Amino acid sequence: MISDQFGLDDIDRSIITLLQKHPNITHSEIAKRIGRSQPAVGSRIHRLEEKGVISSQYGVNFKNADIILAKVELSTKDPTEMIEMGKYCPFVVNCMRLSGENNILLLLASSSMKKIDTVVDCHFRNHESISNVKMDIITGFVKDFILPIDFEMDSHDPDPINGCGENCSRKKALEELAKSAKV
């Protein structure tokens, strides 16, 4: 059970539930609702953050934003390479390892379907270690779906011939790593 795994009691679960439903709720309001003092609530929230059970993160609500979100599943011989690429690419919102036929899942975002398709073509469809690529465009959300995005993607204009070109964040990061390795 998740509660046991994280060592959560009823009070912790109540606090987490309130924070999930009302992200801007104050510690004082939580304290009132669960019958505890504000310092006790603050202490519990701090402990939950330190344990990595909860985290606050700002992002874009894809339910309300006019941003295209694509789910890309890959089957690759080198999942580590794809995960590394996902760390740097501004179009990649997140990259996850999977079990099963496809072993990588990426969420890509852009204001342009053409840019997403070009990134998928350049980095995945034509990559020698990838044997399968499946892309779906997410067309709707039942609940708010908030994820951080890298606005740096707006300055990238990938094309089928040059890929991401000189502005490629991964290329720049690899160049910096190579420079620091030589020093």
Protein backbone atom coordinates (compact mmCIF):
# COMPACT_ATOMS: atom_id res chain seq x y z
CA MET A 1 0.00 0.00 0.00
CA ILE A 2 1.31 3.47 -0.88
CA SER A 3 0.64 4.84 2.59
CA ASP A 4 2.74 2.08 4.18
CA GLN A 5 5.54 2.52 1.66
CA PHE A 6 5.91 6.19 2.59
CA GLY A 7 4.99 5.79 6.26
CA LEU A 8 1.89 7.98 5.97
CA ASP A 9 -0.80 8.23 8.60
CA ASP A 10 -4.36 9.56 8.28
CA ILE A 11 -3.23 13.14 8.95
CA ASP A 12 -0.55 12.98 6.23
CA ARG A 13 -3.07 11.57 3.75
CA SER A 14 -5.57 14.32 4.65
CA ILE A 15 -2.93 17.01 4.13
CA ILE A 16 -1.85 15.53 0.78
CA THR A 17 -5.46 15.24 -0.38
CA LEU A 18 -6.16 18.89 0.49
CA LEU A 19 -2.97 20.06 -1.25
CA GLN A 20 -3.84 18.07 -4.38
CA LYS A 21 -7.36 19.47 -4.55
CA HIS A 22 -6.42 23.02 -3.54
CA PRO A 23 -2.74 23.73 -4.41
CA ASN A 24 -2.92 27.31 -3.10
CA ILE A 25 -4.46 26.41 0.27
CA THR A 26 -2.70 27.93 3.27
CA HIS A 27 -1.27 25.96 6.16
CA SER A 28 -3.76 27.74 8.44
CA GLU A 29 -6.71 26.59 6.32
CA ILE A 30 -5.41 23.02 6.28
CA ALA A 31 -5.00 23.18 10.06
CA LYS A 32 -8.61 24.31 10.46
CA ARG A 33 -9.94 21.56 8.20
CA ILE A 34 -8.06 18.71 9.87
CA GLY A 35 -8.19 19.97 13.46
CA ARG A 36 -4.45 20.54 13.99
CA SER A 37 -2.29 23.58 14.69
CA GLN A 38 -0.74 25.55 11.83
CA PRO A 39 2.84 24.82 13.04
CA ALA A 40 2.03 21.08 13.20
CA VAL A 41 0.71 21.19 9.62
CA GLY A 42 3.77 23.16 8.44
CA SER A 43 6.06 20.64 10.12
CA ARG A 44 4.30 17.70 8.48
CA ILE A 45 4.37 19.34 5.04
CA HIS A 46 8.09 20.06 5.45
CA ARG A 47 8.72 16.41 6.49
CA LEU A 48 6.72 15.13 3.50
CA GLU A 49 8.74 17.35 1.15
CA GLU A 50 12.05 16.20 2.66
CA LYS A 51 11.03 12.55 2.22
CA GLY A 52 10.18 13.29 -1.42
CA VAL A 53 6.55 12.27 -0.93
CA ILE A 54 5.19 15.64 -2.10
CA SER A 55 6.57 18.40 -4.24
CA SER A 56 5.27 21.66 -5.55
CA GLN A 57 6.02 22.44 -9.14
CA TYR A 58 4.77 25.15 -11.42
CA GLY A 59 3.88 24.40 -14.98
CA VAL A 60 1.45 24.94 -17.82
CA ASN A 61 -2.06 23.53 -17.59
CA PHE A 62 -2.37 21.63 -20.85
CA LYS A 63 -6.13 21.42 -20.37
CA ASN A 64 -6.35 25.19 -20.88
CA ALA A 65 -3.28 25.96 -23.02
CA ASP A 66 -3.14 25.91 -26.80
CA ILE A 67 -0.06 23.68 -26.80
CA ILE A 68 0.23 20.37 -28.61
CA LEU A 69 1.19 17.44 -26.40
CA ALA A 70 2.39 14.25 -28.07
CA LYS A 71 3.01 10.84 -26.52
CA VAL A 72 5.85 9.03 -28.27
CA GLU A 73 6.65 5.39 -27.50
CA LEU A 74 9.90 3.85 -28.71
CA SER A 75 11.52 0.48 -28.85
CA THR A 76 15.27 1.05 -28.68
CA LYS A 77 18.40 -0.99 -28.09
CA ASP A 78 19.88 1.94 -26.16
CA PRO A 79 17.31 3.40 -23.75
CA THR A 80 20.04 5.29 -21.85
CA GLU A 81 20.83 7.37 -24.94
CA MET A 82 17.17 8.33 -25.35
CA ILE A 83 16.87 9.25 -21.67
CA GLU A 84 19.99 11.43 -21.96
CA MET A 85 18.57 13.15 -25.03
CA GLY A 86 15.32 13.72 -23.14
CA LYS A 87 17.19 15.60 -20.42
CA TYR A 88 18.28 18.30 -22.85
CA CYS A 89 15.69 18.57 -25.61
CA PRO A 90 13.39 21.56 -24.93
CA PHE A 91 10.53 19.77 -26.72
CA VAL A 92 10.69 16.84 -24.26
CA VAL A 93 8.45 17.48 -21.26
CA ASN A 94 9.39 14.14 -19.71
CA CYS A 95 10.97 10.84 -20.64
CA MET A 96 10.19 7.55 -18.93
CA ARG A 97 11.49 4.02 -19.12
CA LEU A 98 8.85 1.33 -19.76
CA SER A 99 8.60 -2.41 -19.50
CA GLY A 100 7.14 -4.23 -22.45
CA GLU A 101 7.47 -3.99 -26.21
CA ASN A 102 8.24 -0.28 -26.19
CA ASN A 103 10.84 0.66 -23.59
CA ILE A 104 10.76 4.49 -23.72
CA LEU A 105 7.86 6.92 -23.41
CA LEU A 106 8.35 10.60 -24.15
CA LEU A 107 5.95 13.50 -23.81
CA LEU A 108 6.75 16.23 -26.33
CA ALA A 109 5.20 19.70 -26.40
CA SER A 110 5.18 22.52 -28.91
CA SER A 111 2.90 25.15 -30.33
CA SER A 112 3.55 23.58 -33.74
CA MET A 113 2.65 20.08 -34.91
CA LYS A 114 5.27 20.45 -37.65
CA LYS A 115 8.01 20.98 -35.05
CA ILE A 116 6.94 17.92 -33.06
CA ASP A 117 6.83 15.78 -36.20
CA THR A 118 10.28 17.04 -37.29
CA VAL A 119 11.78 16.31 -33.86
CA VAL A 120 10.30 12.80 -33.96
CA ASP A 121 11.64 12.29 -37.52
CA CYS A 122 15.14 13.64 -36.74
CA HIS A 123 15.70 12.04 -33.36
CA PHE A 124 13.63 8.85 -33.39
CA ARG A 125 12.25 7.63 -36.72
CA ASN A 126 15.63 7.79 -38.41
CA HIS A 127 17.76 6.60 -35.48
CA GLU A 128 19.70 3.37 -36.00
CA SER A 129 19.05 1.94 -32.50
CA ILE A 130 15.27 2.49 -32.64
CA SER A 131 13.14 -0.23 -34.20
CA ASN A 132 9.64 1.08 -33.44
CA VAL A 133 8.14 4.56 -33.04
CA LYS A 134 4.52 5.21 -32.17
CA MET A 135 3.26 8.77 -31.80
CA ASP A 136 -0.17 9.86 -30.56
CA ILE A 137 -1.40 13.42 -30.14
CA ILE A 138 -3.26 13.98 -26.91
CA THR A 139 -6.53 15.64 -27.87
CA GLY A 140 -8.24 16.27 -24.55
CA PHE A 141 -8.01 16.13 -20.78
CA VAL A 142 -10.63 15.23 -18.18
CA LYS A 143 -8.71 16.85 -15.32
CA ASP A 144 -6.15 19.63 -15.14
CA PHE A 145 -2.82 18.37 -16.45
CA ILE A 146 0.00 20.60 -15.31
CA LEU A 147 3.54 20.05 -16.50
CA PRO A 148 6.57 22.30 -16.71
CA ILE A 149 7.63 23.22 -20.23
CA ASP A 150 10.84 24.72 -21.55
CA PHE A 151 9.99 27.95 -23.36
CA GLU A 152 13.38 27.61 -25.05
CA MET A 153 11.56 25.37 -27.56
CA ASP A 154 10.20 28.53 -29.21
CA SER A 155 13.73 29.50 -30.31
CA HIS A 156 14.29 26.11 -31.98
CA ASP A 157 13.15 25.53 -35.52
CA PRO A 158 14.08 21.96 -36.37
CA ASP A 159 14.13 20.92 -39.99
CA PRO A 160 14.38 17.49 -41.64
CA ILE A 161 17.86 18.11 -43.06
CA ASN A 162 19.70 19.83 -40.19
CA GLY A 163 17.64 18.51 -37.29
CA CYS A 164 17.74 20.98 -34.45
CA GLY A 165 20.82 22.65 -35.89
CA GLU A 166 23.23 24.83 -33.92
CA ASN A 167 20.65 25.62 -31.20
CA CYS A 168 20.35 21.95 -30.22
CA SER A 169 20.48 21.90 -26.40
CA ARG A 170 21.80 18.34 -26.31
CA LYS A 171 24.54 19.12 -28.81
CA LYS A 172 25.62 22.13 -26.72
CA ALA A 173 25.58 20.07 -23.51
CA LEU A 174 27.70 17.33 -25.11
CA GLU A 175 30.17 19.94 -26.37
CA GLU A 176 30.46 21.39 -22.85
CA LEU A 177 31.02 17.91 -21.40
CA ALA A 178 33.75 17.27 -23.98
CA LYS A 179 35.44 20.59 -23.14
CA SER A 180 35.36 19.92 -19.39
CA ALA A 181 36.70 16.40 -19.93
CA LYS A 182 39.74 17.83 -21.76
CA VAL A 183 40.53 20.23 -18.91
